[in-house]
Amino acid sequence: MNFGFWETLERPIIALAPMANVTDAAFRSIIAKYGKPDVMYTEFVSADGLVSSGRDALLLDLKFGESERPIVAQFFGATPDHFYQVALLAQELGFDGIDINMGCPDRAVLKQGAGAALIETPELALKIISETKRGAGPLPVSVKTRLGLKKKTFREWIPRLLEAEPAAITIHGRTAKELSLVPADWEAIAEAAKIRDGYSKNVPILGNGDVKNLADAEEKAEKYGLDGIMVGRGIFGNPWFFTGHIPNTEEKLRVILEHTRLFEKMFSGRKNFDVMKKHYKAYVNGFDGAKELRTKLMAAKDADGVDLILREFSV
């Protein structure tokens, strides 16, 4: 089995989840500066798209900097040969690992037979892992998944995944049908880790879902017998998450502008500036005048506009 960089990480492993239009290269760069986790993932990227005429636009989502290492490219799709091709691409681009999305609950993704739909087609899922490994060369291939599609089928699903010998498995503690509407089932994640113990104790199992802070992540890893924790929504507006630092208002405002400038530098003319605005909703809270400031930032059109708004607020 090829574990690659996973073998070098101390337990518990703390990872940043891949989130579309959130964990882009600009935000990951900010996180790497203010509170780097043990491993980072790109936004999830379509394997089908990367082997089509739309490839150039999608390559933007695979942009990364050296400060983010180890950095894992995450792909979704349902065509094994396409995964072989994007695995070759990941090697070429210099990634440290590849992750296959087998957990996305988005309807458009499920209609393709991709994401969490692969839980119901294990033979296809295993073929995708095999082809990804074939193209990955020295890069370790991991999987992110859920407890099931419409119901919890992890007791059957996890053993099938383990047959494919992935470098790591991250389990989101809900079914795809549940989206994020119910609390994550950490007891089920713990049971999945015990299932792993009967196959290969070497395959790291990471849990994901409703992690509040760094202390909570470490407690969950210990309590549920996991090798690590993946953090998703908890990172919104808080690039300090992985240090446990609680920023003051001045720090938040400074990083809002730094993040915005970096986003504009990397993506101006290629990504809609509105993508930044979901970050403003998260950064700007918990202090006097936050609601009014948030309203003004949501109307901003560029980084200079954000700079002016923040200067006026700080006067």
C-alpha atoms as a PDB file:
ATOM      1  CA  MET A   1       0.000   0.000   0.000  1.00  0.00           C
ATOM      2  CA  ASN A   2       1.162   3.520  -0.776  1.00  0.00           C
ATOM      3  CA  PHE A   3       0.493   5.899   2.114  1.00  0.00           C
ATOM      4  CA  GLY A   4       2.791   8.656   0.901  1.00  0.00           C
ATOM      5  CA  PHE A   5       2.805  11.712   3.162  1.00  0.00           C
ATOM      6  CA  TRP A   6       0.057  10.200   5.364  1.00  0.00           C
ATOM      7  CA  GLU A   7       2.721   8.064   7.055  1.00  0.00           C
ATOM      8  CA  THR A   8       4.640  11.155   8.173  1.00  0.00           C
ATOM      9  CA  LEU A   9       1.759  12.911   9.969  1.00  0.00           C
ATOM     10  CA  GLU A  10       1.421  12.791  13.740  1.00  0.00           C
ATOM     11  CA  ARG A  11      -1.887  11.670  15.199  1.00  0.00           C
ATOM     12  CA  PRO A  12      -4.428  13.070  15.483  1.00  0.00           C
ATOM     13  CA  ILE A  13      -4.262  14.371  11.918  1.00  0.00           C
ATOM     14  CA  ILE A  14      -6.151  17.652  11.548  1.00  0.00           C
ATOM     15  CA  ALA A  15      -7.285  18.357   7.980  1.00  0.00           C
ATOM     16  CA  LEU A  16      -9.006  21.162   6.097  1.00  0.00           C
ATOM     17  CA  ALA A  17     -12.047  19.944   4.166  1.00  0.00           C
ATOM     18  CA  PRO A  18     -12.520  20.623   0.447  1.00  0.00           C
ATOM     19  CA  MET A  19     -15.382  23.115   0.008  1.00  0.00           C
ATOM     20  CA  ALA A  20     -16.501  24.501  -3.348  1.00  0.00           C
ATOM     21  CA  ASN A  21     -16.149  28.289  -3.671  1.00  0.00           C
ATOM     22  CA  VAL A  22     -14.720  28.469  -0.143  1.00  0.00           C
ATOM     23  CA  THR A  23     -11.347  26.744   0.167  1.00  0.00           C
ATOM     24  CA  ASP A  24      -9.798  28.214  -2.962  1.00  0.00           C
ATOM     25  CA  ALA A  25      -6.084  28.999  -3.219  1.00  0.00           C
ATOM     26  CA  ALA A  26      -6.530  32.481  -1.732  1.00  0.00           C
ATOM     27  CA  PHE A  27      -8.283  31.262   1.411  1.00  0.00           C
ATOM     28  CA  ARG A  28      -5.937  28.301   1.811  1.00  0.00           C
ATOM     29  CA  SER A  29      -2.978  30.677   1.599  1.00  0.00           C
ATOM     30  CA  ILE A  30      -4.473  32.790   4.390  1.00  0.00           C
ATOM     31  CA  ILE A  31      -5.110  29.678   6.491  1.00  0.00           C
ATOM     32  CA  ALA A  32      -1.557  28.445   5.895  1.00  0.00           C
ATOM     33  CA  LYS A  33      -0.287  31.775   7.205  1.00  0.00           C
ATOM     34  CA  TYR A  34      -2.467  32.128  10.303  1.00  0.00           C
ATOM     35  CA  GLY A  35      -3.141  28.560  11.376  1.00  0.00           C
ATOM     36  CA  LYS A  36      -1.984  25.755   9.120  1.00  0.00           C
ATOM     37  CA  PRO A  37      -3.583  22.299   9.531  1.00  0.00           C
ATOM     38  CA  ASP A  38      -1.705  19.042   8.942  1.00  0.00           C
ATOM     39  CA  VAL A  39      -3.132  18.587   5.443  1.00  0.00           C
ATOM     40  CA  MET A  40      -5.157  20.697   2.999  1.00  0.00           C
ATOM     41  CA  TYR A  41      -7.461  19.783   0.132  1.00  0.00           C
ATOM     42  CA  THR A  42      -8.386  21.748  -2.979  1.00  0.00           C
ATOM     43  CA  GLU A  43     -11.979  22.533  -3.835  1.00  0.00           C
ATOM     44  CA  PHE A  44     -13.576  19.489  -5.467  1.00  0.00           C
ATOM     45  CA  VAL A  45     -13.015  19.506  -9.224  1.00  0.00           C
ATOM     46  CA  SER A  46     -14.833  17.607 -11.980  1.00  0.00           C
ATOM     47  CA  ALA A  47     -12.763  14.829 -13.517  1.00  0.00           C
ATOM     48  CA  ASP A  48     -15.066  14.937 -16.554  1.00  0.00           C
ATOM     49  CA  GLY A  49     -14.510  18.677 -16.926  1.00  0.00           C
ATOM     50  CA  LEU A  50     -10.744  18.344 -16.710  1.00  0.00           C
ATOM     51  CA  VAL A  51     -10.673  16.013 -19.702  1.00  0.00           C
ATOM     52  CA  SER A  52     -12.980  18.255 -21.739  1.00  0.00           C
ATOM     53  CA  SER A  53     -12.658  21.571 -23.557  1.00  0.00           C
ATOM     54  CA  GLY A  54     -13.465  23.298 -20.259  1.00  0.00           C
ATOM     55  CA  ARG A  55     -10.185  22.144 -18.732  1.00  0.00           C
ATOM     56  CA  ASP A  56      -8.450  25.535 -18.662  1.00  0.00           C
ATOM     57  CA  ALA A  57     -11.166  27.163 -16.540  1.00  0.00           C
ATOM     58  CA  LEU A  58     -11.101  24.288 -14.046  1.00  0.00           C
ATOM     59  CA  LEU A  59      -7.319  24.363 -13.716  1.00  0.00           C
ATOM     60  CA  LEU A  60      -7.840  27.577 -11.732  1.00  0.00           C
ATOM     61  CA  ASP A  61      -9.362  25.443  -8.966  1.00  0.00           C
ATOM     62  CA  LEU A  62      -6.171  23.374  -8.842  1.00  0.00           C
ATOM     63  CA  LYS A  63      -3.939  26.379  -8.214  1.00  0.00           C
ATOM     64  CA  PHE A  64      -1.896  26.090  -4.984  1.00  0.00           C
ATOM     65  CA  GLY A  65       1.145  27.509  -3.251  1.00  0.00           C
ATOM     66  CA  GLU A  66       4.112  25.837  -1.569  1.00  0.00           C
ATOM     67  CA  SER A  67       2.962  27.031   1.868  1.00  0.00           C
ATOM     68  CA  GLU A  68      -0.058  24.730   1.618  1.00  0.00           C
ATOM     69  CA  ARG A  69       1.827  21.426   1.536  1.00  0.00           C
ATOM     70  CA  PRO A  70       0.915  18.682   1.952  1.00  0.00           C
ATOM     71  CA  ILE A  71      -1.858  19.564  -0.496  1.00  0.00           C
ATOM     72  CA  VAL A  72      -4.335  17.031  -1.907  1.00  0.00           C
ATOM     73  CA  ALA A  73      -6.275  17.434  -5.166  1.00  0.00           C
ATOM     74  CA  GLN A  74      -9.877  16.284  -4.843  1.00  0.00           C
ATOM     75  CA  PHE A  75     -11.792  15.057  -7.882  1.00  0.00           C
ATOM     76  CA  PHE A  76     -15.364  13.921  -8.473  1.00  0.00           C
ATOM     77  CA  GLY A  77     -16.934  11.981 -11.303  1.00  0.00           C
ATOM     78  CA  ALA A  78     -18.094   8.513 -12.316  1.00  0.00           C
ATOM     79  CA  THR A  79     -15.845   7.565 -15.263  1.00  0.00           C
ATOM     80  CA  PRO A  80     -12.803   5.455 -14.296  1.00  0.00           C
ATOM     81  CA  ASP A  81     -10.709   6.448 -17.324  1.00  0.00           C
ATOM     82  CA  HIS A  82     -11.205  10.125 -16.531  1.00  0.00           C
ATOM     83  CA  PHE A  83      -9.817   9.506 -13.048  1.00  0.00           C
ATOM     84  CA  TYR A  84      -6.770   7.862 -14.581  1.00  0.00           C
ATOM     85  CA  GLN A  85      -6.215  10.977 -16.677  1.00  0.00           C
ATOM     86  CA  VAL A  86      -6.689  13.467 -13.833  1.00  0.00           C
ATOM     87  CA  ALA A  87      -4.377  11.407 -11.639  1.00  0.00           C
ATOM     88  CA  LEU A  88      -1.670  11.878 -14.261  1.00  0.00           C
ATOM     89  CA  LEU A  89      -2.499  15.594 -14.205  1.00  0.00           C
ATOM     90  CA  ALA A  90      -2.192  15.737 -10.403  1.00  0.00           C
ATOM     91  CA  GLN A  91       1.298  14.253 -10.705  1.00  0.00           C
ATOM     92  CA  GLU A  92       2.205  16.789 -13.362  1.00  0.00           C
ATOM     93  CA  LEU A  93       0.951  19.697 -11.247  1.00  0.00           C
ATOM     94  CA  GLY A  94       2.991  18.589  -8.238  1.00  0.00           C
ATOM     95  CA  PHE A  95       0.305  17.621  -5.743  1.00  0.00           C
ATOM     96  CA  ASP A  96       1.150  15.537  -2.677  1.00  0.00           C
ATOM     97  CA  GLY A  97      -1.918  13.323  -2.902  1.00  0.00           C
ATOM     98  CA  ILE A  98      -5.248  12.679  -4.618  1.00  0.00           C
ATOM     99  CA  ASP A  99      -8.652  12.336  -2.968  1.00  0.00           C
ATOM    100  CA  ILE A 100     -11.765  10.886  -4.594  1.00  0.00           C
ATOM    101  CA  ASN A 101     -15.064  12.499  -3.644  1.00  0.00           C
ATOM    102  CA  MET A 102     -17.548   9.751  -2.785  1.00  0.00           C
ATOM    103  CA  GLY A 103     -19.639  11.840  -0.430  1.00  0.00           C
ATOM    104  CA  CYS A 104     -20.999  14.945  -2.166  1.00  0.00           C
ATOM    105  CA  PRO A 105     -24.803  15.123  -1.729  1.00  0.00           C
ATOM    106  CA  ASP A 106     -25.439  17.744  -4.431  1.00  0.00           C
ATOM    107  CA  ARG A 107     -28.260  16.632  -6.739  1.00  0.00           C
ATOM    108  CA  ALA A 108     -26.401  17.564  -9.914  1.00  0.00           C
ATOM    109  CA  VAL A 109     -23.421  15.460  -8.798  1.00  0.00           C
ATOM    110  CA  LEU A 110     -25.611  12.514  -7.767  1.00  0.00           C
ATOM    111  CA  LYS A 111     -27.361  12.546 -11.162  1.00  0.00           C
ATOM    112  CA  GLN A 112     -23.969  11.886 -12.738  1.00  0.00           C
ATOM    113  CA  GLY A 113     -23.587   8.798 -10.565  1.00  0.00           C
ATOM    114  CA  ALA A 114     -20.776  10.618  -8.771  1.00  0.00           C
ATOM    115  CA  GLY A 115     -20.188  11.797  -5.200  1.00  0.00           C
ATOM    116  CA  ALA A 116     -22.274   9.873  -2.656  1.00  0.00           C
ATOM    117  CA  ALA A 117     -24.038   7.964  -5.476  1.00  0.00           C
ATOM    118  CA  LEU A 118     -20.898   5.806  -5.719  1.00  0.00           C
ATOM    119  CA  ILE A 119     -21.762   4.301  -2.319  1.00  0.00           C
ATOM    120  CA  GLU A 120     -24.582   2.449  -4.108  1.00  0.00           C
ATOM    121  CA  THR A 121     -22.299   1.259  -6.940  1.00  0.00           C
ATOM    122  CA  PRO A 122     -19.306  -0.232  -5.103  1.00  0.00           C
ATOM    123  CA  GLU A 123     -17.910  -2.075  -8.126  1.00  0.00           C
ATOM    124  CA  LEU A 124     -17.691   1.204 -10.039  1.00  0.00           C
ATOM    125  CA  ALA A 125     -16.240   2.928  -6.972  1.00  0.00           C
ATOM    126  CA  LEU A 126     -13.501   0.322  -6.687  1.00  0.00           C
ATOM    127  CA  LYS A 127     -12.742   0.596 -10.399  1.00  0.00           C
ATOM    128  CA  ILE A 128     -12.394   4.370 -10.015  1.00  0.00           C
ATOM    129  CA  ILE A 129      -9.966   3.926  -7.115  1.00  0.00           C
ATOM    130  CA  SER A 130      -7.972   1.378  -9.129  1.00  0.00           C
ATOM    131  CA  GLU A 131      -7.707   3.654 -12.170  1.00  0.00           C
ATOM    132  CA  THR A 132      -6.807   6.647 -10.018  1.00  0.00           C
ATOM    133  CA  LYS A 133      -4.013   4.651  -8.410  1.00  0.00           C
ATOM    134  CA  ARG A 134      -2.811   3.552 -11.848  1.00  0.00           C
ATOM    135  CA  GLY A 135      -2.413   7.164 -12.903  1.00  0.00           C
ATOM    136  CA  ALA A 136      -1.216   8.482  -9.542  1.00  0.00           C
ATOM    137  CA  GLY A 137       2.254   6.968  -9.602  1.00  0.00           C
ATOM    138  CA  PRO A 138       3.873   7.797  -6.250  1.00  0.00           C
ATOM    139  CA  LEU A 139       0.932   9.886  -5.035  1.00  0.00           C
ATOM    140  CA  PRO A 140      -1.271   8.354  -2.306  1.00  0.00           C
ATOM    141  CA  VAL A 141      -4.969   8.032  -3.164  1.00  0.00           C
ATOM    142  CA  SER A 142      -7.556   8.643  -0.433  1.00  0.00           C
ATOM    143  CA  VAL A 143     -11.370   8.749  -0.316  1.00  0.00           C
ATOM    144  CA  LYS A 144     -13.883  11.077   1.330  1.00  0.00           C
ATOM    145  CA  THR A 145     -17.317   9.566   1.818  1.00  0.00           C
ATOM    146  CA  ARG A 146     -20.491   9.472   3.940  1.00  0.00           C
ATOM    147  CA  LEU A 147     -22.342   6.934   6.068  1.00  0.00           C
ATOM    148  CA  GLY A 148     -24.599   6.088   3.141  1.00  0.00           C
ATOM    149  CA  LEU A 149     -26.705   7.542   0.363  1.00  0.00           C
ATOM    150  CA  LYS A 150     -30.302   7.442   1.646  1.00  0.00           C
ATOM    151  CA  LYS A 151     -29.712   5.309   4.723  1.00  0.00           C
ATOM    152  CA  LYS A 152     -26.715   4.251   6.784  1.00  0.00           C
ATOM    153  CA  THR A 153     -25.010   1.471   4.851  1.00  0.00           C
ATOM    154  CA  PHE A 154     -21.473   2.056   6.118  1.00  0.00           C
ATOM    155  CA  ARG A 155     -21.240  -1.445   7.618  1.00  0.00           C
ATOM    156  CA  GLU A 156     -21.326  -2.832   4.070  1.00  0.00           C
ATOM    157  CA  TRP A 157     -19.671   0.131   2.345  1.00  0.00           C
ATOM    158  CA  ILE A 158     -16.519   0.627   4.429  1.00  0.00           C
ATOM    159  CA  PRO A 159     -15.319  -2.997   3.985  1.00  0.00           C
ATOM    160  CA  ARG A 160     -15.689  -2.591   0.199  1.00  0.00           C
ATOM    161  CA  LEU A 161     -13.656   0.617   0.301  1.00  0.00           C
ATOM    162  CA  LEU A 162     -10.966  -1.069   2.368  1.00  0.00           C
ATOM    163  CA  GLU A 163     -10.660  -3.763  -0.317  1.00  0.00           C
ATOM    164  CA  ALA A 164      -9.285  -1.036  -2.594  1.00  0.00           C
ATOM    165  CA  GLU A 165      -6.586  -0.127  -0.042  1.00  0.00           C
ATOM    166  CA  PRO A 166      -6.911   3.667  -0.051  1.00  0.00           C
ATOM    167  CA  ALA A 167      -4.235   5.712   1.696  1.00  0.00           C
ATOM    168  CA  ALA A 168      -6.870   7.215   4.027  1.00  0.00           C
ATOM    169  CA  ILE A 169     -10.653   7.404   4.409  1.00  0.00           C
ATOM    170  CA  THR A 170     -12.523  10.458   5.660  1.00  0.00           C
ATOM    171  CA  ILE A 171     -16.096   9.820   6.795  1.00  0.00           C
ATOM    172  CA  HIS A 172     -18.695  12.559   7.061  1.00  0.00           C
ATOM    173  CA  GLY A 173     -21.089  11.530   9.815  1.00  0.00           C
ATOM    174  CA  ARG A 174     -24.332  11.800   7.841  1.00  0.00           C
ATOM    175  CA  THR A 175     -25.987  10.173   4.847  1.00  0.00           C
ATOM    176  CA  ALA A 176     -26.254  12.170   1.634  1.00  0.00           C
ATOM    177  CA  LYS A 177     -30.020  12.429   2.127  1.00  0.00           C
ATOM    178  CA  GLU A 178     -29.470  14.055   5.527  1.00  0.00           C
ATOM    179  CA  LEU A 179     -27.282  16.787   3.987  1.00  0.00           C
ATOM    180  CA  SER A 180     -26.314  18.861   7.063  1.00  0.00           C
ATOM    181  CA  LEU A 181     -29.840  18.930   8.506  1.00  0.00           C
ATOM    182  CA  VAL A 182     -29.185  16.553  11.418  1.00  0.00           C
ATOM    183  CA  PRO A 183     -26.267  16.260  13.876  1.00  0.00           C
ATOM    184  CA  ALA A 184     -23.298  14.240  12.653  1.00  0.00           C
ATOM    185  CA  ASP A 185     -23.331  10.660  13.966  1.00  0.00           C
ATOM    186  CA  TRP A 186     -19.939  10.263  15.575  1.00  0.00           C
ATOM    187  CA  GLU A 187     -20.826   6.880  17.086  1.00  0.00           C
ATOM    188  CA  ALA A 188     -21.267   5.567  13.543  1.00  0.00           C
ATOM    189  CA  ILE A 189     -17.913   7.049  12.518  1.00  0.00           C
ATOM    190  CA  ALA A 190     -16.342   5.297  15.523  1.00  0.00           C
ATOM    191  CA  GLU A 191     -17.946   2.014  14.441  1.00  0.00           C
ATOM    192  CA  ALA A 192     -16.502   2.504  10.961  1.00  0.00           C
ATOM    193  CA  ALA A 193     -13.046   2.900  12.509  1.00  0.00           C
ATOM    194  CA  LYS A 194     -13.534  -0.391  14.355  1.00  0.00           C
ATOM    195  CA  ILE A 195     -14.508  -2.056  11.082  1.00  0.00           C
ATOM    196  CA  ARG A 196     -11.212  -0.784   9.670  1.00  0.00           C
ATOM    197  CA  ASP A 197      -9.367  -2.437  12.554  1.00  0.00           C
ATOM    198  CA  GLY A 198     -10.488  -5.824  11.257  1.00  0.00           C
ATOM    199  CA  TYR A 199      -8.953  -5.164   7.852  1.00  0.00           C
ATOM    200  CA  SER A 200      -5.940  -2.869   8.051  1.00  0.00           C
ATOM    201  CA  LYS A 201      -5.116  -0.750  11.066  1.00  0.00           C
ATOM    202  CA  ASN A 202      -2.690   1.166   8.873  1.00  0.00           C
ATOM    203  CA  VAL A 203      -5.417   2.974   6.884  1.00  0.00           C
ATOM    204  CA  PRO A 204      -6.103   6.277   8.670  1.00  0.00           C
ATOM    205  CA  ILE A 205      -9.764   7.033   9.401  1.00  0.00           C
ATOM    206  CA  LEU A 206     -10.714  10.705   9.755  1.00  0.00           C
ATOM    207  CA  GLY A 207     -14.079  11.915  11.031  1.00  0.00           C
ATOM    208  CA  ASN A 208     -15.916  14.959   9.740  1.00  0.00           C
ATOM    209  CA  GLY A 209     -19.005  16.896  10.850  1.00  0.00           C
ATOM    210  CA  ASP A 210     -19.935  19.647  13.335  1.00  0.00           C
ATOM    211  CA  VAL A 211     -16.432  20.211  14.732  1.00  0.00           C
ATOM    212  CA  LYS A 212     -16.636  23.421  16.783  1.00  0.00           C
ATOM    213  CA  ASN A 213     -12.986  24.234  17.508  1.00  0.00           C
ATOM    214  CA  LEU A 214      -9.508  22.719  17.760  1.00  0.00           C
ATOM    215  CA  ALA A 215     -10.086  21.332  21.253  1.00  0.00           C
ATOM    216  CA  ASP A 216     -13.317  19.714  20.059  1.00  0.00           C
ATOM    217  CA  ALA A 217     -11.431  18.140  17.140  1.00  0.00           C
ATOM    218  CA  GLU A 218      -8.794  16.646  19.424  1.00  0.00           C
ATOM    219  CA  GLU A 219     -11.416  15.407  21.892  1.00  0.00           C
ATOM    220  CA  LYS A 220     -13.435  13.728  19.135  1.00  0.00           C
ATOM    221  CA  ALA A 221     -10.363  11.972  17.735  1.00  0.00           C
ATOM    222  CA  GLU A 222      -9.581  10.566  21.188  1.00  0.00           C
ATOM    223  CA  LYS A 223     -13.167   9.711  22.191  1.00  0.00           C
ATOM    224  CA  TYR A 224     -14.109   7.966  18.956  1.00  0.00           C
ATOM    225  CA  GLY A 225     -10.812   6.175  18.285  1.00  0.00           C
ATOM    226  CA  LEU A 226      -9.961   8.061  15.112  1.00  0.00           C
ATOM    227  CA  ASP A 227      -6.663   8.870  13.426  1.00  0.00           C
ATOM    228  CA  GLY A 228      -7.772  12.390  12.650  1.00  0.00           C
ATOM    229  CA  ILE A 229     -10.467  14.973  12.109  1.00  0.00           C
ATOM    230  CA  MET A 230     -11.447  16.962   9.036  1.00  0.00           C
ATOM    231  CA  VAL A 231     -12.848  20.457   9.585  1.00  0.00           C
ATOM    232  CA  GLY A 232     -15.314  22.037   7.166  1.00  0.00           C
ATOM    233  CA  ARG A 233     -17.750  24.791   8.122  1.00  0.00           C
ATOM    234  CA  GLY A 234     -15.853  25.600  11.323  1.00  0.00           C
ATOM    235  CA  ILE A 235     -13.159  27.300   9.257  1.00  0.00           C
ATOM    236  CA  PHE A 236     -15.557  29.901   7.827  1.00  0.00           C
ATOM    237  CA  GLY A 237     -14.330  33.340   8.823  1.00  0.00           C
ATOM    238  CA  ASN A 238     -11.712  31.821  11.093  1.00  0.00           C
ATOM    239  CA  PRO A 239      -8.330  31.115   9.494  1.00  0.00           C
ATOM    240  CA  TRP A 240      -6.982  30.890  13.062  1.00  0.00           C
ATOM    241  CA  PHE A 241      -9.092  27.764  13.728  1.00  0.00           C
ATOM    242  CA  PHE A 242      -6.201  25.323  13.706  1.00  0.00           C
ATOM    243  CA  THR A 243      -4.224  27.262  16.328  1.00  0.00           C
ATOM    244  CA  GLY A 244      -7.098  27.750  18.767  1.00  0.00           C
ATOM    245  CA  HIS A 245      -6.421  31.507  18.711  1.00  0.00           C
ATOM    246  CA  ILE A 246      -9.479  33.738  19.163  1.00  0.00           C
ATOM    247  CA  PRO A 247      -8.937  36.885  17.075  1.00  0.00           C
ATOM    248  CA  ASN A 248      -9.937  40.373  18.157  1.00  0.00           C
ATOM    249  CA  THR A 249     -11.871  42.734  15.893  1.00  0.00           C
ATOM    250  CA  GLU A 250      -8.741  44.502  14.639  1.00  0.00           C
ATOM    251  CA  GLU A 251      -7.191  41.209  13.559  1.00  0.00           C
ATOM    252  CA  LYS A 252     -10.375  40.163  11.769  1.00  0.00           C
ATOM    253  CA  LEU A 253     -10.608  43.421   9.830  1.00  0.00           C
ATOM    254  CA  ARG A 254      -6.962  43.276   8.822  1.00  0.00           C
ATOM    255  CA  VAL A 255      -7.283  39.716   7.530  1.00  0.00           C
ATOM    256  CA  ILE A 256     -10.537  40.482   5.697  1.00  0.00           C
ATOM    257  CA  LEU A 257      -8.646  43.020   3.594  1.00  0.00           C
ATOM    258  CA  GLU A 258      -5.596  40.785   3.181  1.00  0.00           C
ATOM    259  CA  HIS A 259      -7.819  37.914   2.056  1.00  0.00           C
ATOM    260  CA  THR A 260      -9.722  40.168  -0.354  1.00  0.00           C
ATOM    261  CA  ARG A 261      -6.530  41.579  -1.896  1.00  0.00           C
ATOM    262  CA  LEU A 262      -5.171  38.075  -2.383  1.00  0.00           C
ATOM    263  CA  PHE A 263      -8.420  36.849  -3.931  1.00  0.00           C
ATOM    264  CA  GLU A 264      -8.393  39.764  -6.362  1.00  0.00           C
ATOM    265  CA  LYS A 265      -4.727  39.218  -7.227  1.00  0.00           C
ATOM    266  CA  MET A 266      -5.264  35.520  -7.960  1.00  0.00           C
ATOM    267  CA  PHE A 267      -8.700  35.524  -9.531  1.00  0.00           C
ATOM    268  CA  SER A 268      -9.585  38.986 -10.861  1.00  0.00           C
ATOM    269  CA  GLY A 269     -11.465  38.615 -14.144  1.00  0.00           C
ATOM    270  CA  ARG A 270     -11.666  34.857 -13.701  1.00  0.00           C
ATOM    271  CA  LYS A 271     -13.817  34.420 -10.598  1.00  0.00           C
ATOM    272  CA  ASN A 272     -16.801  36.520  -9.627  1.00  0.00           C
ATOM    273  CA  PHE A 273     -15.991  38.902  -6.758  1.00  0.00           C
ATOM    274  CA  ASP A 274     -19.232  37.775  -5.104  1.00  0.00           C
ATOM    275  CA  VAL A 275     -17.434  34.540  -4.143  1.00  0.00           C
ATOM    276  CA  MET A 276     -15.569  36.610  -1.525  1.00  0.00           C
ATOM    277  CA  LYS A 277     -18.804  37.848   0.015  1.00  0.00           C
ATOM    278  CA  LYS A 278     -19.695  34.573   1.711  1.00  0.00           C
ATOM    279  CA  HIS A 279     -16.479  35.098   3.688  1.00  0.00           C
ATOM    280  CA  TYR A 280     -17.613  38.550   4.817  1.00  0.00           C
ATOM    281  CA  LYS A 281     -20.724  36.996   6.336  1.00  0.00           C
ATOM    282  CA  ALA A 282     -18.492  34.720   8.392  1.00  0.00           C
ATOM    283  CA  TYR A 283     -15.684  37.144   9.312  1.00  0.00           C
ATOM    284  CA  VAL A 284     -17.939  40.019  10.389  1.00  0.00           C
ATOM    285  CA  ASN A 285     -19.775  38.992  13.527  1.00  0.00           C
ATOM    286  CA  GLY A 286     -19.448  39.113  17.283  1.00  0.00           C
ATOM    287  CA  PHE A 287     -18.512  42.788  17.666  1.00  0.00           C
ATOM    288  CA  ASP A 288     -20.277  46.155  17.861  1.00  0.00           C
ATOM    289  CA  GLY A 289     -21.379  47.448  14.481  1.00  0.00           C
ATOM    290  CA  ALA A 290     -20.867  44.069  12.787  1.00  0.00           C
ATOM    291  CA  LYS A 291     -24.297  43.961  11.152  1.00  0.00           C
ATOM    292  CA  GLU A 292     -23.926  47.419   9.583  1.00  0.00           C
ATOM    293  CA  LEU A 293     -20.382  46.681   8.428  1.00  0.00           C
ATOM    294  CA  ARG A 294     -21.463  43.381   6.927  1.00  0.00           C
ATOM    295  CA  THR A 295     -24.221  45.106   4.954  1.00  0.00           C
ATOM    296  CA  LYS A 296     -21.724  47.592   3.503  1.00  0.00           C
ATOM    297  CA  LEU A 297     -19.189  44.882   2.616  1.00  0.00           C
ATOM    298  CA  MET A 298     -21.850  42.878   0.802  1.00  0.00           C
ATOM    299  CA  ALA A 299     -22.293  45.840  -1.539  1.00  0.00           C
ATOM    300  CA  ALA A 300     -18.559  46.204  -2.290  1.00  0.00           C
ATOM    301  CA  LYS A 301     -17.387  45.623  -5.842  1.00  0.00           C
ATOM    302  CA  ASP A 302     -13.630  45.242  -5.395  1.00  0.00           C
ATOM    303  CA  ALA A 303     -10.777  45.227  -2.890  1.00  0.00           C
ATOM    304  CA  ASP A 304     -10.348  48.999  -2.969  1.00  0.00           C
ATOM    305  CA  GLY A 305     -14.004  49.367  -2.059  1.00  0.00           C
ATOM    306  CA  VAL A 306     -13.552  46.962   0.844  1.00  0.00           C
ATOM    307  CA  ASP A 307     -10.475  48.904   1.981  1.00  0.00           C
ATOM    308  CA  LEU A 308     -12.444  52.168   2.044  1.00  0.00           C
ATOM    309  CA  ILE A 309     -15.340  50.599   3.979  1.00  0.00           C
ATOM    310  CA  LEU A 310     -12.995  49.137   6.574  1.00  0.00           C
ATOM    311  CA  ARG A 311     -11.101  52.421   6.967  1.00  0.00           C
ATOM    312  CA  GLU A 312     -14.346  54.297   7.591  1.00  0.00           C
ATOM    313  CA  PHE A 313     -15.425  51.663  10.132  1.00  0.00           C
ATOM    314  CA  SER A 314     -12.119  51.887  12.000  1.00  0.00           C
ATOM    315  CA  VAL A 315     -12.051  55.675  12.294  1.00  0.00           C
END
